[in-house]
Amino acid sequence: MGPVVIVLIILVVLVFIALIKTIQVIPQASAAIVERFGRYTRTLNAGLNIVVPFIDSIRNRIDLREQVVPFPPQPVITQDNLVVNIDTVIYYQVTDARAATYEVASYIQAIEQLTVTTLRNIIGGMDLERTLTSREEINAALRGVLDEATGKWGIRVNRVELKAIEPPTSIQDSMEKQMRADRDKRAAILTAEGTRQAAILTAEGEKQSAILKAEGEAKAAALRAEGEAQAVRTVFEAIHAGDPDQKLLSYQYLQMLPKIAEGDANKLWIVPSEIGDALKGLSGAMGNFGPLAGGSGGSGGSSGSSSTNNGGTNTERREKPSID
């Protein structure tokens, strides 16, 4: 292989290297910083770009997509002198590749340190209870400070989140005890309210039941009285419709005498004088009723009976002979 061939090979290699350095392909959502002899020249956007080989060089390739960076827990002292560990997550995006390259040495480290110092300033003016319940307020304040400071670096902070706030272990135990006591208190209150409501409902139910029962008994009594009255009217109408004579009434009364005399407590019972007249008429009709009626030693006017006249109505009072 002669010297000419070697020179040609070297030229081909140099040309190939020059072509590689001349053609630069930048991916989508990315940017590249071009320097010429160490000085910023331009920014290459996504696509095919041509640079001068061996004169222009690519200083930095920057991803323009939104980035998520979690920071390790940072100890922060609250207003009531309690140390809490706070984990933060930053969502940022590079908007100016030139500023992100030349305005700050390491924008990730700069954002982290700025986040820590700003967080300590914000939490230092809050007590523990407010710190635990004011995440949105802390996020908004932290984002405002970071966005203002990182704007000149070509960085836009889109969102800041507090991932975790961890108070000391002793404080956590006290908080758990307090929460347990509050839950027990609420449970006791709810139990008492339930018992009270149940007692009220039971009393209301018993009251309604008693009212309905009384109304039912009153209606039943009224219906019974109405039925009895209807029965009396029916019997009265039937008697008047049948036009009974004194003999039939006397016979019916004789049938009812055993029922009237039932029981040892019936010492005195009253017989209307009209019934006596009916009995006399019946005895006259039957012929032998007089001797049967006088078997007790006397007629209807014996010493064991008495009659009274009150207002034109004659009644006979007879005592039931005692049975020894």
Protein backbone atom coordinates (compact mmCIF):
# COMPACT_ATOMS: atom_id res chain seq x y z
CA MET A 1 0.00 0.00 0.00
CA GLY A 2 1.58 3.21 -1.14
CA PRO A 3 1.62 6.58 0.52
CA VAL A 4 -1.05 7.89 -1.79
CA VAL A 5 -3.52 5.28 -0.66
CA ILE A 6 -2.82 6.02 2.96
CA VAL A 7 -3.41 9.72 2.40
CA LEU A 8 -6.68 8.97 0.63
CA ILE A 9 -7.84 6.79 3.48
CA ILE A 10 -7.01 9.53 5.96
CA LEU A 11 -8.89 12.09 3.88
CA VAL A 12 -11.95 9.85 3.68
CA VAL A 13 -11.94 9.37 7.45
CA LEU A 14 -11.61 13.10 8.01
CA VAL A 15 -14.44 13.81 5.61
CA PHE A 16 -16.63 11.25 7.33
CA ILE A 17 -15.87 12.78 10.75
CA ALA A 18 -16.52 16.25 9.38
CA LEU A 19 -19.90 15.13 8.04
CA ILE A 20 -20.82 13.65 11.39
CA LYS A 21 -19.87 16.88 13.16
CA THR A 22 -21.61 18.99 10.55
CA ILE A 23 -25.02 17.28 10.69
CA GLN A 24 -26.68 17.46 14.11
CA VAL A 25 -30.08 15.84 14.73
CA ILE A 26 -31.89 17.25 17.77
CA PRO A 27 -34.81 15.19 19.14
CA GLN A 28 -38.24 16.67 19.73
CA ALA A 29 -38.67 18.64 22.99
CA SER A 30 -34.92 19.14 23.23
CA ALA A 31 -32.45 21.92 22.54
CA ALA A 32 -28.69 22.20 22.10
CA ILE A 33 -26.29 25.07 22.84
CA VAL A 34 -23.70 25.76 20.11
CA GLU A 35 -20.42 27.49 20.95
CA ARG A 36 -17.82 28.74 18.52
CA PHE A 37 -14.35 28.89 19.98
CA GLY A 38 -15.94 28.78 23.46
CA ARG A 39 -18.46 31.52 22.85
CA TYR A 40 -22.23 31.09 22.60
CA THR A 41 -23.39 31.21 19.02
CA ARG A 42 -26.95 29.89 18.81
CA THR A 43 -29.43 27.35 20.10
CA LEU A 44 -30.30 24.35 17.98
CA ASN A 45 -33.97 23.38 17.97
CA ALA A 46 -35.52 20.00 17.21
CA GLY A 47 -34.75 18.59 13.76
CA LEU A 48 -31.78 18.51 11.39
CA ASN A 49 -29.19 21.23 11.97
CA ILE A 50 -25.89 22.10 10.23
CA VAL A 51 -22.87 23.33 12.15
CA VAL A 52 -19.32 24.12 11.14
CA PRO A 53 -17.16 21.14 12.02
CA PHE A 54 -14.11 21.60 14.20
CA ILE A 55 -15.18 25.21 14.80
CA ASP A 56 -18.64 24.91 16.32
CA SER A 57 -19.20 22.55 19.21
CA ILE A 58 -22.24 21.35 21.14
CA ARG A 59 -21.96 22.67 24.69
CA ASN A 60 -25.08 21.17 26.27
CA ARG A 61 -28.23 19.27 25.33
CA ILE A 62 -31.24 20.22 27.42
CA ASP A 63 -34.56 18.41 27.80
CA LEU A 64 -37.41 20.89 27.46
CA ARG A 65 -40.06 18.58 28.89
CA GLU A 66 -41.51 19.04 32.37
CA GLN A 67 -39.33 17.39 34.97
CA VAL A 68 -40.20 15.96 38.37
CA VAL A 69 -37.53 16.13 41.06
CA PRO A 70 -38.10 14.79 44.60
CA PHE A 71 -35.91 16.27 47.31
CA PRO A 72 -34.86 14.33 50.41
CA PRO A 73 -36.49 15.15 53.78
CA GLN A 74 -35.34 18.44 55.26
CA PRO A 75 -35.50 19.25 58.99
CA VAL A 76 -37.48 22.43 59.58
CA ILE A 77 -38.20 24.16 62.92
CA THR A 78 -41.74 25.43 63.48
CA GLN A 79 -42.78 28.53 65.41
CA ASP A 80 -43.39 26.45 68.56
CA ASN A 81 -39.80 25.05 68.37
CA LEU A 82 -40.65 21.60 67.04
CA VAL A 83 -38.50 19.95 64.39
CA VAL A 84 -40.41 18.39 61.50
CA ASN A 85 -39.06 16.60 58.44
CA ILE A 86 -40.64 17.71 55.16
CA ASP A 87 -40.35 15.94 51.80
CA THR A 88 -40.91 18.13 48.75
CA VAL A 89 -41.50 17.41 45.07
CA ILE A 90 -40.81 20.07 42.40
CA TYR A 91 -42.35 20.10 38.92
CA TYR A 92 -40.31 22.39 36.67
CA GLN A 93 -39.66 23.02 32.97
CA VAL A 94 -36.79 24.67 31.08
CA THR A 95 -38.10 27.53 28.98
CA ASP A 96 -34.78 29.12 27.96
CA ALA A 97 -31.93 26.71 27.22
CA ARG A 98 -29.35 29.52 27.00
CA ALA A 99 -30.25 30.96 30.42
CA ALA A 100 -30.34 27.50 32.01
CA THR A 101 -26.83 26.91 30.70
CA TYR A 102 -25.13 30.22 31.42
CA GLU A 103 -27.12 31.91 34.21
CA VAL A 104 -26.62 29.19 36.81
CA ALA A 105 -24.04 26.46 37.20
CA SER A 106 -26.48 23.68 38.21
CA TYR A 107 -30.11 24.67 38.19
CA ILE A 108 -31.21 21.41 39.92
CA GLN A 109 -28.96 22.06 42.90
CA ALA A 110 -29.93 25.72 42.91
CA ILE A 111 -33.67 24.86 42.98
CA GLU A 112 -33.12 22.39 45.81
CA GLN A 113 -31.25 24.85 48.02
CA LEU A 114 -33.75 27.60 47.27
CA THR A 115 -36.60 25.25 48.16
CA VAL A 116 -35.02 24.36 51.52
CA THR A 117 -34.34 27.96 52.55
CA THR A 118 -37.78 29.17 51.43
CA LEU A 119 -39.48 26.29 53.20
CA ARG A 120 -37.69 27.09 56.45
CA ASN A 121 -38.79 30.71 56.23
CA ILE A 122 -42.43 29.76 55.64
CA ILE A 123 -42.63 27.00 58.27
CA GLY A 124 -40.78 29.17 60.81
CA GLY A 125 -43.80 31.46 61.00
CA MET A 126 -46.31 28.63 61.63
CA ASP A 127 -46.98 26.36 64.56
CA LEU A 128 -47.21 22.59 64.20
CA GLU A 129 -50.99 22.40 63.94
CA ARG A 130 -51.14 25.04 61.26
CA THR A 131 -48.26 23.40 59.41
CA LEU A 132 -50.10 20.09 59.29
CA THR A 133 -53.34 21.67 58.06
CA SER A 134 -52.03 24.33 55.65
CA ARG A 135 -50.39 22.36 52.87
CA GLU A 136 -52.09 24.31 50.11
CA GLU A 137 -51.00 27.59 51.63
CA ILE A 138 -47.40 26.39 51.96
CA ASN A 139 -47.39 25.03 48.39
CA ALA A 140 -48.68 28.32 46.97
CA ALA A 141 -46.17 30.44 48.92
CA LEU A 142 -43.27 28.14 48.01
CA ARG A 143 -44.22 28.07 44.34
CA GLY A 144 -44.46 31.88 44.19
CA VAL A 145 -40.97 32.36 45.63
CA LEU A 146 -39.39 29.65 43.45
CA ASP A 147 -41.04 30.82 40.24
CA GLU A 148 -39.86 34.38 40.81
CA ALA A 149 -36.29 33.33 41.58
CA THR A 150 -35.92 30.75 38.82
CA GLY A 151 -37.37 32.95 36.08
CA LYS A 152 -33.99 34.51 35.27
CA TRP A 153 -32.49 31.02 35.03
CA GLY A 154 -34.85 30.07 32.23
CA ILE A 155 -36.76 27.73 34.57
CA ARG A 156 -40.51 27.76 35.21
CA VAL A 157 -41.70 26.05 38.38
CA ASN A 158 -45.13 24.66 37.57
CA ARG A 159 -45.96 23.00 40.85
CA VAL A 160 -44.62 22.37 44.34
CA GLU A 161 -45.98 19.59 46.55
CA LEU A 162 -45.24 18.65 50.14
CA LYS A 163 -45.06 14.89 49.96
CA ALA A 164 -44.82 14.27 53.69
CA ILE A 165 -44.66 16.20 56.96
CA GLU A 166 -43.31 14.08 59.78
CA PRO A 167 -43.39 15.53 63.32
CA PRO A 168 -41.23 14.04 66.10
CA THR A 169 -42.12 10.59 67.45
CA SER A 170 -43.22 11.92 70.85
CA ILE A 171 -45.52 14.43 69.18
CA GLN A 172 -46.94 11.68 66.98
CA ASP A 173 -47.73 9.56 70.07
CA SER A 174 -49.43 12.52 71.75
CA MET A 175 -51.43 13.26 68.64
CA GLU A 176 -52.52 9.63 68.37
CA LYS A 177 -53.65 9.64 72.00
CA GLN A 178 -55.56 12.87 71.46
CA MET A 179 -57.22 11.51 68.34
CA ARG A 180 -58.11 8.29 70.15
CA ALA A 181 -59.64 10.27 73.01
CA ASP A 182 -61.62 12.40 70.55
CA ARG A 183 -62.90 9.29 68.78
CA ASP A 184 -63.90 7.70 72.10
CA LYS A 185 -65.67 10.92 73.08
CA ARG A 186 -67.55 11.09 69.80
CA ALA A 187 -68.48 7.42 70.10
CA ALA A 188 -69.83 7.94 73.64
CA ILE A 189 -71.80 10.99 72.50
CA LEU A 190 -73.26 9.10 69.55
CA THR A 191 -74.16 6.16 71.79
CA ALA A 192 -75.89 8.45 74.28
CA GLU A 193 -77.74 10.22 71.49
CA GLY A 194 -78.82 6.88 70.06
CA THR A 195 -80.07 5.68 73.46
CA ARG A 196 -81.93 8.96 74.01
CA GLN A 197 -83.50 8.84 70.57
CA ALA A 198 -84.48 5.21 71.06
CA ALA A 199 -86.13 6.04 74.42
CA ILE A 200 -87.99 8.96 72.84
CA LEU A 201 -89.19 6.82 69.96
CA THR A 202 -90.23 4.05 72.36
CA ALA A 203 -92.20 6.51 74.49
CA GLU A 204 -93.81 8.01 71.41
CA GLY A 205 -94.72 4.54 70.21
CA GLU A 206 -96.24 3.59 73.57
CA LYS A 207 -98.16 6.88 73.62
CA GLN A 208 -99.54 6.34 70.15
CA SER A 209 -100.35 2.75 71.00
CA ALA A 210 -102.25 3.80 74.15
CA ILE A 211 -104.12 6.49 72.22
CA LEU A 212 -105.07 4.08 69.47
CA LYS A 213 -106.05 1.42 72.01
CA ALA A 214 -108.25 3.91 73.92
CA GLU A 215 -109.83 5.10 70.69
CA GLY A 216 -110.46 1.50 69.69
CA GLU A 217 -112.01 0.66 73.05
CA ALA A 218 -114.19 3.80 72.89
CA LYS A 219 -115.36 2.93 69.39
CA ALA A 220 -115.96 -0.68 70.44
CA ALA A 221 -117.99 0.46 73.48
CA ALA A 222 -119.98 2.83 71.31
CA LEU A 223 -120.64 0.08 68.81
CA ARG A 224 -121.64 -2.34 71.58
CA ALA A 225 -123.98 0.26 73.11
CA GLU A 226 -125.42 0.99 69.72
CA GLY A 227 -125.89 -2.73 69.11
CA GLU A 228 -127.56 -3.22 72.47
CA ALA A 229 -129.80 -0.22 71.85
CA GLN A 230 -130.67 -1.60 68.45
CA ALA A 231 -131.41 -4.97 70.02
CA VAL A 232 -133.66 -3.37 72.64
CA ARG A 233 -135.47 -1.42 69.95
CA THR A 234 -135.87 -4.56 67.89
CA VAL A 235 -137.24 -6.51 70.86
CA PHE A 236 -139.49 -3.64 71.87
CA GLU A 237 -140.83 -3.33 68.32
CA ALA A 238 -141.30 -7.10 68.10
CA ILE A 239 -143.23 -7.14 71.40
CA HIS A 240 -145.46 -4.30 70.34
CA ALA A 241 -145.91 -5.85 66.93
CA GLY A 242 -146.95 -9.18 68.53
CA ASP A 243 -149.35 -7.39 71.00
CA PRO A 244 -148.83 -9.91 73.90
CA ASP A 245 -151.52 -10.24 76.57
CA GLN A 246 -151.09 -10.44 80.33
CA LYS A 247 -151.08 -14.21 80.36
CA LEU A 248 -148.07 -14.44 78.02
CA LEU A 249 -146.17 -11.83 80.03
CA SER A 250 -146.94 -13.72 83.25
CA TYR A 251 -145.68 -16.94 81.73
CA GLN A 252 -142.47 -15.30 80.52
CA TYR A 253 -141.93 -13.79 83.97
CA LEU A 254 -142.34 -17.18 85.60
CA GLN A 255 -139.65 -18.52 83.29
CA MET A 256 -137.29 -15.69 84.31
CA LEU A 257 -137.83 -16.08 88.08
CA PRO A 258 -135.24 -18.87 88.49
CA LYS A 259 -132.59 -16.75 86.80
CA ILE A 260 -133.50 -13.73 88.95
CA ALA A 261 -133.23 -15.82 92.11
CA GLU A 262 -129.84 -17.32 91.20
CA GLY A 263 -126.99 -16.60 93.63
CA ASP A 264 -126.88 -16.32 97.44
CA ALA A 265 -126.39 -12.55 97.26
CA ASN A 266 -129.88 -11.92 95.88
CA LYS A 267 -131.69 -11.22 99.15
CA LEU A 268 -134.15 -8.63 97.84
CA TRP A 269 -135.82 -8.24 94.48
CA ILE A 270 -138.68 -6.04 93.34
CA VAL A 271 -141.74 -7.28 91.48
CA PRO A 272 -143.93 -4.75 89.66
CA SER A 273 -147.54 -4.68 90.75
CA GLU A 274 -148.63 -5.20 87.14
CA ILE A 275 -146.89 -8.58 87.18
CA GLY A 276 -148.82 -9.48 90.34
CA ASP A 277 -152.07 -8.64 88.61
CA ALA A 278 -150.96 -10.71 85.66
CA LEU A 279 -150.18 -13.61 87.97
CA LYS A 280 -153.61 -13.35 89.57
CA GLY A 281 -155.20 -13.39 86.16
CA LEU A 282 -153.08 -16.36 85.20
CA SER A 283 -154.00 -18.21 88.40
CA GLY A 284 -157.65 -17.55 87.74
CA ALA A 285 -157.22 -18.93 84.27
CA MET A 286 -155.28 -21.99 85.30
CA GLY A 287 -157.49 -22.69 88.30
CA ASN A 288 -154.89 -24.34 90.45
CA PHE A 289 -152.26 -21.60 90.49
CA GLY A 290 -153.66 -20.19 93.75
CA PRO A 291 -152.91 -23.27 95.87
CA LEU A 292 -149.43 -23.50 94.32
CA ALA A 293 -148.75 -19.88 95.00
CA GLY A 294 -150.05 -20.19 98.56
CA GLY A 295 -147.90 -23.19 99.38
CA SER A 296 -145.53 -20.93 101.21
CA GLY A 297 -148.18 -20.22 103.90
CA GLY A 298 -149.98 -17.17 102.64
CA SER A 299 -151.32 -15.17 99.75
CA GLY A 300 -149.61 -12.39 97.83
CA GLY A 301 -150.14 -10.09 100.80
CA SER A 302 -148.18 -12.20 103.33
CA SER A 303 -145.85 -10.76 105.87
CA GLY A 304 -142.80 -11.56 103.70
CA SER A 305 -143.81 -9.02 101.05
CA SER A 306 -144.56 -5.34 100.96
CA SER A 307 -146.02 -3.00 98.39
CA THR A 308 -145.45 0.67 97.83
CA ASN A 309 -147.27 3.22 95.76
CA ASN A 310 -145.03 5.91 94.33
CA GLY A 311 -146.33 8.21 91.67
CA GLY A 312 -149.02 5.79 90.49
CA THR A 313 -146.71 2.82 90.00
CA ASN A 314 -147.22 -0.11 92.30
CA THR A 315 -144.25 -2.38 93.06
CA GLU A 316 -143.92 -5.37 95.33
CA ARG A 317 -140.75 -6.00 97.33
CA ARG A 318 -140.16 -9.58 98.30
CA GLU A 319 -137.33 -11.01 100.26
CA LYS A 320 -135.81 -14.23 99.17
CA PRO A 321 -136.03 -16.78 101.96
CA SER A 322 -132.65 -17.55 103.33
CA ILE A 323 -131.44 -21.06 102.87
CA ASP A 324 -129.74 -22.39 105.91
